[in-house]
Amino acid sequence: MPELNRANAALGRPPAPPLAHHRSPRRRTDSNGAPSHDQGFSASRSADRPSTDPADALALLAGLEGGGPLLDRVRVALSPYPYGASLPSTTALAALLGEQTEPVRKALSELEWAGELAVQRGGRQPSEYRYRLRPDELHPQDVRLDRAVREGIRSGRYAAGTPLPTGLLGREHGVPGMSIPRAFRLLVSDGYISHRDGPAGPGYYVAARPRTASPAPAAQGAGR
């Protein structure tokens, strides 16, 4: 990831390890042990701001020779921004990268499907803005589904080794089929479920020994 390391160097940060986005720090949870989701993440906290204006890193990225896959370049361009801070508009980002707007829009959508970005509507910020999600943070659209599956496994509604009715769960909780992997990613990493080829075919199955009795970690500060 030479582009990311060069952008980090411009910001006075150490080189990032591979797939740094998916490294999970301590999880903030609610009283039931489900990952918490905080709305209205303020972009004004000075402690979260990079030491150099993100535009400097964006300018560096736009001037790199050879470019690279657009998805990776968009990810690098957004990496200097604090989690939750309002990101540049699609048009502004496309201009800084020297790309057409539509390919950049598609790249942003892919990052949202992967659980790296989300769109906030309403609140103190502009009526709609895009922001980065923490590696252990659920997409707002996935919160109810994640919580329902955790509670269903704990209560015994979904027994160990049985397949989850992903289509039904998605419809009940407003998660489209293509977003199910994103919605289930923390359930997989927490050991509640796994994706495998089982008796009912490929799909998500409740783990043989799901973590139904583990205490919830202490909640971290909710201030954003």
C-alpha atoms as a PDB file:
ATOM      1  CA  MET A   1       0.000   0.000   0.000  1.00  0.00           C
ATOM      2  CA  PRO A   2       2.560   2.618  -1.088  1.00  0.00           C
ATOM      3  CA  GLU A   3      -0.087   5.299  -1.669  1.00  0.00           C
ATOM      4  CA  LEU A   4      -1.459   4.973   1.856  1.00  0.00           C
ATOM      5  CA  ASN A   5       2.014   5.058   3.373  1.00  0.00           C
ATOM      6  CA  ARG A   6       2.917   8.165   1.391  1.00  0.00           C
ATOM      7  CA  ALA A   7      -0.324   9.860   2.448  1.00  0.00           C
ATOM      8  CA  ASN A   8       0.365   8.937   6.069  1.00  0.00           C
ATOM      9  CA  ALA A   9       3.905  10.299   5.725  1.00  0.00           C
ATOM     10  CA  ALA A  10       2.457  13.610   4.563  1.00  0.00           C
ATOM     11  CA  LEU A  11       0.357  13.647   7.726  1.00  0.00           C
ATOM     12  CA  GLY A  12       3.241  12.748  10.000  1.00  0.00           C
ATOM     13  CA  ARG A  13       1.788   9.313  10.777  1.00  0.00           C
ATOM     14  CA  PRO A  14       3.534   5.903  10.824  1.00  0.00           C
ATOM     15  CA  PRO A  15       2.960   3.529   7.881  1.00  0.00           C
ATOM     16  CA  ALA A  16      -0.329   1.639   8.123  1.00  0.00           C
ATOM     17  CA  PRO A  17      -0.300  -2.189   8.324  1.00  0.00           C
ATOM     18  CA  PRO A  18      -2.087  -4.176   5.582  1.00  0.00           C
ATOM     19  CA  LEU A  19      -5.894  -4.116   5.857  1.00  0.00           C
ATOM     20  CA  ALA A  20      -5.681  -1.712   8.751  1.00  0.00           C
ATOM     21  CA  HIS A  21      -9.362  -0.867   8.377  1.00  0.00           C
ATOM     22  CA  HIS A  22     -10.341  -4.339   9.538  1.00  0.00           C
ATOM     23  CA  ARG A  23      -8.276  -4.392  12.732  1.00  0.00           C
ATOM     24  CA  SER A  24     -10.765  -4.280  15.597  1.00  0.00           C
ATOM     25  CA  PRO A  25      -9.955  -2.171  18.643  1.00  0.00           C
ATOM     26  CA  ARG A  26     -12.011  -2.459  21.836  1.00  0.00           C
ATOM     27  CA  ARG A  27     -15.673  -2.792  21.041  1.00  0.00           C
ATOM     28  CA  ARG A  28     -18.215  -0.361  22.435  1.00  0.00           C
ATOM     29  CA  THR A  29     -21.309  -2.349  23.338  1.00  0.00           C
ATOM     30  CA  ASP A  30     -24.721  -1.842  24.820  1.00  0.00           C
ATOM     31  CA  SER A  31     -26.039  -3.572  27.943  1.00  0.00           C
ATOM     32  CA  ASN A  32     -26.808  -6.718  25.919  1.00  0.00           C
ATOM     33  CA  GLY A  33     -23.337  -7.017  24.472  1.00  0.00           C
ATOM     34  CA  ALA A  34     -24.341  -5.842  20.988  1.00  0.00           C
ATOM     35  CA  PRO A  35     -22.110  -3.281  19.257  1.00  0.00           C
ATOM     36  CA  SER A  36     -23.421   0.183  19.948  1.00  0.00           C
ATOM     37  CA  HIS A  37     -24.092   2.735  17.247  1.00  0.00           C
ATOM     38  CA  ASP A  38     -23.946   6.451  17.974  1.00  0.00           C
ATOM     39  CA  GLN A  39     -25.785   8.853  15.728  1.00  0.00           C
ATOM     40  CA  GLY A  40     -24.734  12.435  15.064  1.00  0.00           C
ATOM     41  CA  PHE A  41     -20.963  12.018  15.118  1.00  0.00           C
ATOM     42  CA  SER A  42     -19.570  15.516  15.413  1.00  0.00           C
ATOM     43  CA  ALA A  43     -16.751  16.466  13.071  1.00  0.00           C
ATOM     44  CA  SER A  44     -15.650  19.334  15.308  1.00  0.00           C
ATOM     45  CA  ARG A  45     -13.622  17.472  17.940  1.00  0.00           C
ATOM     46  CA  SER A  46     -10.110  18.908  17.693  1.00  0.00           C
ATOM     47  CA  ALA A  47      -8.555  15.779  19.239  1.00  0.00           C
ATOM     48  CA  ASP A  48      -9.780  13.732  16.251  1.00  0.00           C
ATOM     49  CA  ARG A  49      -8.418  16.056  13.611  1.00  0.00           C
ATOM     50  CA  PRO A  50      -5.287  15.112  11.637  1.00  0.00           C
ATOM     51  CA  SER A  51      -2.202  17.218  12.253  1.00  0.00           C
ATOM     52  CA  THR A  52      -2.165  18.268   8.593  1.00  0.00           C
ATOM     53  CA  ASP A  53      -5.133  19.376   6.528  1.00  0.00           C
ATOM     54  CA  PRO A  54      -6.583  16.319   4.714  1.00  0.00           C
ATOM     55  CA  ALA A  55      -6.499  18.322   1.498  1.00  0.00           C
ATOM     56  CA  ASP A  56      -2.683  18.029   1.581  1.00  0.00           C
ATOM     57  CA  ALA A  57      -2.903  14.246   1.489  1.00  0.00           C
ATOM     58  CA  LEU A  58      -5.576  14.423  -1.204  1.00  0.00           C
ATOM     59  CA  ALA A  59      -3.371  16.676  -3.315  1.00  0.00           C
ATOM     60  CA  LEU A  60      -0.474  14.241  -2.848  1.00  0.00           C
ATOM     61  CA  LEU A  61      -2.666  11.356  -3.904  1.00  0.00           C
ATOM     62  CA  ALA A  62      -3.991  13.160  -6.967  1.00  0.00           C
ATOM     63  CA  GLY A  63      -0.435  13.827  -8.111  1.00  0.00           C
ATOM     64  CA  LEU A  64       0.869  10.281  -7.715  1.00  0.00           C
ATOM     65  CA  GLU A  65       2.207   8.761 -10.894  1.00  0.00           C
ATOM     66  CA  GLY A  66       0.738   5.486 -12.096  1.00  0.00           C
ATOM     67  CA  GLY A  67      -2.473   5.870 -10.097  1.00  0.00           C
ATOM     68  CA  GLY A  68      -3.712   2.402  -9.137  1.00  0.00           C
ATOM     69  CA  PRO A  69      -7.137   0.809  -8.709  1.00  0.00           C
ATOM     70  CA  LEU A  70      -9.683   3.560  -8.172  1.00  0.00           C
ATOM     71  CA  LEU A  71     -11.208   1.853  -5.120  1.00  0.00           C
ATOM     72  CA  ASP A  72      -7.816   1.816  -3.383  1.00  0.00           C
ATOM     73  CA  ARG A  73      -7.133   5.427  -4.337  1.00  0.00           C
ATOM     74  CA  VAL A  74     -10.484   6.559  -2.944  1.00  0.00           C
ATOM     75  CA  ARG A  75      -9.827   4.636   0.279  1.00  0.00           C
ATOM     76  CA  VAL A  76      -6.402   6.266   0.628  1.00  0.00           C
ATOM     77  CA  ALA A  77      -7.822   9.707  -0.115  1.00  0.00           C
ATOM     78  CA  LEU A  78     -10.384   9.363   2.677  1.00  0.00           C
ATOM     79  CA  SER A  79      -8.043   7.800   5.243  1.00  0.00           C
ATOM     80  CA  PRO A  80      -6.792  11.129   6.735  1.00  0.00           C
ATOM     81  CA  TYR A  81     -10.304  12.096   7.814  1.00  0.00           C
ATOM     82  CA  PRO A  82     -11.344  11.247  11.400  1.00  0.00           C
ATOM     83  CA  TYR A  83     -13.967   8.566  11.842  1.00  0.00           C
ATOM     84  CA  GLY A  84     -17.381  10.214  11.662  1.00  0.00           C
ATOM     85  CA  ALA A  85     -16.181  13.498  10.162  1.00  0.00           C
ATOM     86  CA  SER A  86     -17.974  14.763   7.072  1.00  0.00           C
ATOM     87  CA  LEU A  87     -16.137  13.642   3.917  1.00  0.00           C
ATOM     88  CA  PRO A  88     -15.705  15.568   0.653  1.00  0.00           C
ATOM     89  CA  SER A  89     -18.577  15.450  -1.795  1.00  0.00           C
ATOM     90  CA  THR A  90     -18.383  12.985  -4.656  1.00  0.00           C
ATOM     91  CA  THR A  91     -17.784  15.830  -7.089  1.00  0.00           C
ATOM     92  CA  ALA A  92     -14.969  17.321  -5.003  1.00  0.00           C
ATOM     93  CA  LEU A  93     -13.326  13.935  -4.493  1.00  0.00           C
ATOM     94  CA  ALA A  94     -13.512  13.157  -8.220  1.00  0.00           C
ATOM     95  CA  ALA A  95     -11.895  16.508  -9.044  1.00  0.00           C
ATOM     96  CA  LEU A  96      -9.055  15.929  -6.570  1.00  0.00           C
ATOM     97  CA  LEU A  97      -8.428  12.447  -7.974  1.00  0.00           C
ATOM     98  CA  GLY A  98      -8.691  13.570 -11.576  1.00  0.00           C
ATOM     99  CA  GLU A  99     -11.514  11.096 -12.249  1.00  0.00           C
ATOM    100  CA  GLN A 100     -15.039  11.207 -13.603  1.00  0.00           C
ATOM    101  CA  THR A 101     -17.777  11.545 -10.998  1.00  0.00           C
ATOM    102  CA  GLU A 102     -19.650   8.307 -11.731  1.00  0.00           C
ATOM    103  CA  PRO A 103     -16.699   5.886 -11.192  1.00  0.00           C
ATOM    104  CA  VAL A 104     -15.918   7.648  -7.905  1.00  0.00           C
ATOM    105  CA  ARG A 105     -19.560   7.372  -6.873  1.00  0.00           C
ATOM    106  CA  LYS A 106     -19.454   3.627  -7.561  1.00  0.00           C
ATOM    107  CA  ALA A 107     -16.242   3.257  -5.554  1.00  0.00           C
ATOM    108  CA  LEU A 108     -17.857   5.059  -2.614  1.00  0.00           C
ATOM    109  CA  SER A 109     -20.848   2.718  -2.860  1.00  0.00           C
ATOM    110  CA  GLU A 110     -18.513  -0.294  -2.754  1.00  0.00           C
ATOM    111  CA  LEU A 111     -16.874   1.050   0.381  1.00  0.00           C
ATOM    112  CA  GLU A 112     -20.294   1.490   1.945  1.00  0.00           C
ATOM    113  CA  TRP A 113     -21.266  -2.079   1.060  1.00  0.00           C
ATOM    114  CA  ALA A 114     -18.021  -3.224   2.699  1.00  0.00           C
ATOM    115  CA  GLY A 115     -18.889  -1.415   5.927  1.00  0.00           C
ATOM    116  CA  GLU A 116     -16.211   1.265   5.686  1.00  0.00           C
ATOM    117  CA  LEU A 117     -18.510   4.251   5.008  1.00  0.00           C
ATOM    118  CA  ALA A 118     -22.054   5.319   5.824  1.00  0.00           C
ATOM    119  CA  VAL A 119     -24.362   8.205   4.998  1.00  0.00           C
ATOM    120  CA  GLN A 120     -25.812  10.349   7.772  1.00  0.00           C
ATOM    121  CA  ARG A 121     -29.121  12.055   7.129  1.00  0.00           C
ATOM    122  CA  GLY A 122     -30.352  14.930   9.281  1.00  0.00           C
ATOM    123  CA  GLY A 123     -28.811  16.129  12.544  1.00  0.00           C
ATOM    124  CA  ARG A 124     -26.501  19.080  13.047  1.00  0.00           C
ATOM    125  CA  GLN A 125     -24.490  18.434   9.890  1.00  0.00           C
ATOM    126  CA  PRO A 126     -25.791  19.161   6.368  1.00  0.00           C
ATOM    127  CA  SER A 127     -28.950  17.255   5.490  1.00  0.00           C
ATOM    128  CA  GLU A 128     -26.874  14.396   4.062  1.00  0.00           C
ATOM    129  CA  TYR A 129     -23.186  13.657   4.376  1.00  0.00           C
ATOM    130  CA  ARG A 130     -20.882  10.661   4.112  1.00  0.00           C
ATOM    131  CA  TYR A 131     -18.530   9.593   6.913  1.00  0.00           C
ATOM    132  CA  ARG A 132     -16.067   6.823   7.774  1.00  0.00           C
ATOM    133  CA  LEU A 133     -17.062   3.975  10.085  1.00  0.00           C
ATOM    134  CA  ARG A 134     -14.735   2.588  12.727  1.00  0.00           C
ATOM    135  CA  PRO A 135     -13.610  -1.015  12.049  1.00  0.00           C
ATOM    136  CA  ASP A 136     -15.831  -2.278  14.892  1.00  0.00           C
ATOM    137  CA  GLU A 137     -18.791   0.002  14.116  1.00  0.00           C
ATOM    138  CA  LEU A 138     -21.983  -1.233  12.545  1.00  0.00           C
ATOM    139  CA  HIS A 139     -23.477   0.470   9.530  1.00  0.00           C
ATOM    140  CA  PRO A 140     -26.646   2.283  10.746  1.00  0.00           C
ATOM    141  CA  GLN A 141     -28.775   0.117   8.466  1.00  0.00           C
ATOM    142  CA  ASP A 142     -27.454  -3.071  10.104  1.00  0.00           C
ATOM    143  CA  VAL A 143     -27.917  -2.305  13.807  1.00  0.00           C
ATOM    144  CA  ARG A 144     -31.355  -3.867  14.276  1.00  0.00           C
ATOM    145  CA  LEU A 145     -30.441  -7.029  12.361  1.00  0.00           C
ATOM    146  CA  ASP A 146     -27.225  -7.561  14.328  1.00  0.00           C
ATOM    147  CA  ARG A 147     -29.060  -7.080  17.626  1.00  0.00           C
ATOM    148  CA  ALA A 148     -31.915  -9.416  16.637  1.00  0.00           C
ATOM    149  CA  VAL A 149     -29.544 -12.237  15.696  1.00  0.00           C
ATOM    150  CA  ARG A 150     -27.501 -11.883  18.895  1.00  0.00           C
ATOM    151  CA  GLU A 151     -30.642 -11.941  21.018  1.00  0.00           C
ATOM    152  CA  GLY A 152     -32.052 -14.860  19.021  1.00  0.00           C
ATOM    153  CA  ILE A 153     -28.914 -16.925  19.569  1.00  0.00           C
ATOM    154  CA  ARG A 154     -28.773 -16.093  23.280  1.00  0.00           C
ATOM    155  CA  SER A 155     -32.428 -17.010  23.776  1.00  0.00           C
ATOM    156  CA  GLY A 156     -32.094 -20.299  21.894  1.00  0.00           C
ATOM    157  CA  ARG A 157     -34.352 -19.272  19.050  1.00  0.00           C
ATOM    158  CA  TYR A 158     -31.474 -19.983  16.687  1.00  0.00           C
ATOM    159  CA  ALA A 159     -29.890 -23.229  17.844  1.00  0.00           C
ATOM    160  CA  ALA A 160     -26.223 -24.094  17.419  1.00  0.00           C
ATOM    161  CA  GLY A 161     -25.451 -25.494  13.974  1.00  0.00           C
ATOM    162  CA  THR A 162     -28.675 -24.333  12.340  1.00  0.00           C
ATOM    163  CA  PRO A 163     -28.794 -22.056   9.285  1.00  0.00           C
ATOM    164  CA  LEU A 164     -29.991 -18.488   9.698  1.00  0.00           C
ATOM    165  CA  PRO A 165     -32.943 -17.394   7.524  1.00  0.00           C
ATOM    166  CA  THR A 166     -30.964 -14.532   6.034  1.00  0.00           C
ATOM    167  CA  GLY A 167     -33.572 -13.533   3.452  1.00  0.00           C
ATOM    168  CA  LEU A 168     -36.337 -13.325   6.044  1.00  0.00           C
ATOM    169  CA  LEU A 169     -34.120 -11.497   8.545  1.00  0.00           C
ATOM    170  CA  GLY A 170     -33.053  -9.005   5.904  1.00  0.00           C
ATOM    171  CA  ARG A 171     -36.646  -8.219   4.939  1.00  0.00           C
ATOM    172  CA  GLU A 172     -37.724  -7.903   8.591  1.00  0.00           C
ATOM    173  CA  HIS A 173     -34.949  -5.462   9.433  1.00  0.00           C
ATOM    174  CA  GLY A 174     -34.598  -3.523   6.190  1.00  0.00           C
ATOM    175  CA  VAL A 175     -31.255  -4.944   5.042  1.00  0.00           C
ATOM    176  CA  PRO A 176     -30.998  -5.797   1.314  1.00  0.00           C
ATOM    177  CA  GLY A 177     -29.503  -9.139   0.332  1.00  0.00           C
ATOM    178  CA  MET A 178     -26.274  -7.674  -1.012  1.00  0.00           C
ATOM    179  CA  SER A 179     -25.662  -6.025   2.381  1.00  0.00           C
ATOM    180  CA  ILE A 180     -26.095  -9.193   4.477  1.00  0.00           C
ATOM    181  CA  PRO A 181     -22.323  -9.938   4.556  1.00  0.00           C
ATOM    182  CA  ARG A 182     -21.718  -6.417   5.864  1.00  0.00           C
ATOM    183  CA  ALA A 183     -24.478  -6.768   8.463  1.00  0.00           C
ATOM    184  CA  PHE A 184     -23.130 -10.125   9.679  1.00  0.00           C
ATOM    185  CA  ARG A 185     -19.418  -9.302   9.730  1.00  0.00           C
ATOM    186  CA  LEU A 186     -19.265  -8.477  13.459  1.00  0.00           C
ATOM    187  CA  LEU A 187     -21.372 -11.523  14.313  1.00  0.00           C
ATOM    188  CA  VAL A 188     -18.804 -13.621  12.439  1.00  0.00           C
ATOM    189  CA  SER A 189     -15.794 -11.942  14.060  1.00  0.00           C
ATOM    190  CA  ASP A 190     -17.426 -12.283  17.501  1.00  0.00           C
ATOM    191  CA  GLY A 191     -17.908 -16.019  17.015  1.00  0.00           C
ATOM    192  CA  TYR A 192     -21.703 -16.109  16.931  1.00  0.00           C
ATOM    193  CA  ILE A 193     -22.042 -17.371  13.367  1.00  0.00           C
ATOM    194  CA  SER A 194     -19.937 -18.566  10.438  1.00  0.00           C
ATOM    195  CA  HIS A 195     -20.395 -18.789   6.700  1.00  0.00           C
ATOM    196  CA  ARG A 196     -19.950 -22.352   5.426  1.00  0.00           C
ATOM    197  CA  ASP A 197     -21.361 -25.094   3.242  1.00  0.00           C
ATOM    198  CA  GLY A 198     -23.713 -26.897   5.642  1.00  0.00           C
ATOM    199  CA  PRO A 199     -26.669 -29.286   5.501  1.00  0.00           C
ATOM    200  CA  ALA A 200     -28.911 -26.607   3.987  1.00  0.00           C
ATOM    201  CA  GLY A 201     -26.241 -25.534   1.506  1.00  0.00           C
ATOM    202  CA  PRO A 202     -23.874 -22.540   1.624  1.00  0.00           C
ATOM    203  CA  GLY A 203     -24.954 -19.898   4.083  1.00  0.00           C
ATOM    204  CA  TYR A 204     -24.648 -18.487   7.574  1.00  0.00           C
ATOM    205  CA  TYR A 205     -24.882 -21.001  10.410  1.00  0.00           C
ATOM    206  CA  VAL A 206     -25.000 -20.497  14.160  1.00  0.00           C
ATOM    207  CA  ALA A 207     -21.654 -21.456  15.669  1.00  0.00           C
ATOM    208  CA  ALA A 208     -21.389 -24.800  17.437  1.00  0.00           C
ATOM    209  CA  ARG A 209     -20.481 -22.952  20.634  1.00  0.00           C
ATOM    210  CA  PRO A 210     -21.805 -19.414  20.227  1.00  0.00           C
ATOM    211  CA  ARG A 211     -20.805 -16.834  22.796  1.00  0.00           C
ATOM    212  CA  THR A 212     -24.132 -16.691  24.582  1.00  0.00           C
ATOM    213  CA  ALA A 213     -22.873 -16.178  28.126  1.00  0.00           C
ATOM    214  CA  SER A 214     -19.860 -13.905  27.713  1.00  0.00           C
ATOM    215  CA  PRO A 215     -20.203 -10.637  29.660  1.00  0.00           C
ATOM    216  CA  ALA A 216     -20.437  -7.449  27.665  1.00  0.00           C
ATOM    217  CA  PRO A 217     -17.231  -5.375  27.693  1.00  0.00           C
ATOM    218  CA  ALA A 218     -17.460  -2.064  29.487  1.00  0.00           C
ATOM    219  CA  ALA A 219     -18.830   0.629  27.218  1.00  0.00           C
ATOM    220  CA  GLN A 220     -16.332   3.238  26.077  1.00  0.00           C
ATOM    221  CA  GLY A 221     -17.028   6.956  26.090  1.00  0.00           C
ATOM    222  CA  ALA A 222     -19.930   7.825  23.863  1.00  0.00           C
ATOM    223  CA  GLY A 223     -18.749  11.305  22.982  1.00  0.00           C
ATOM    224  CA  ARG A 224     -18.193  11.805  19.305  1.00  0.00           C
END
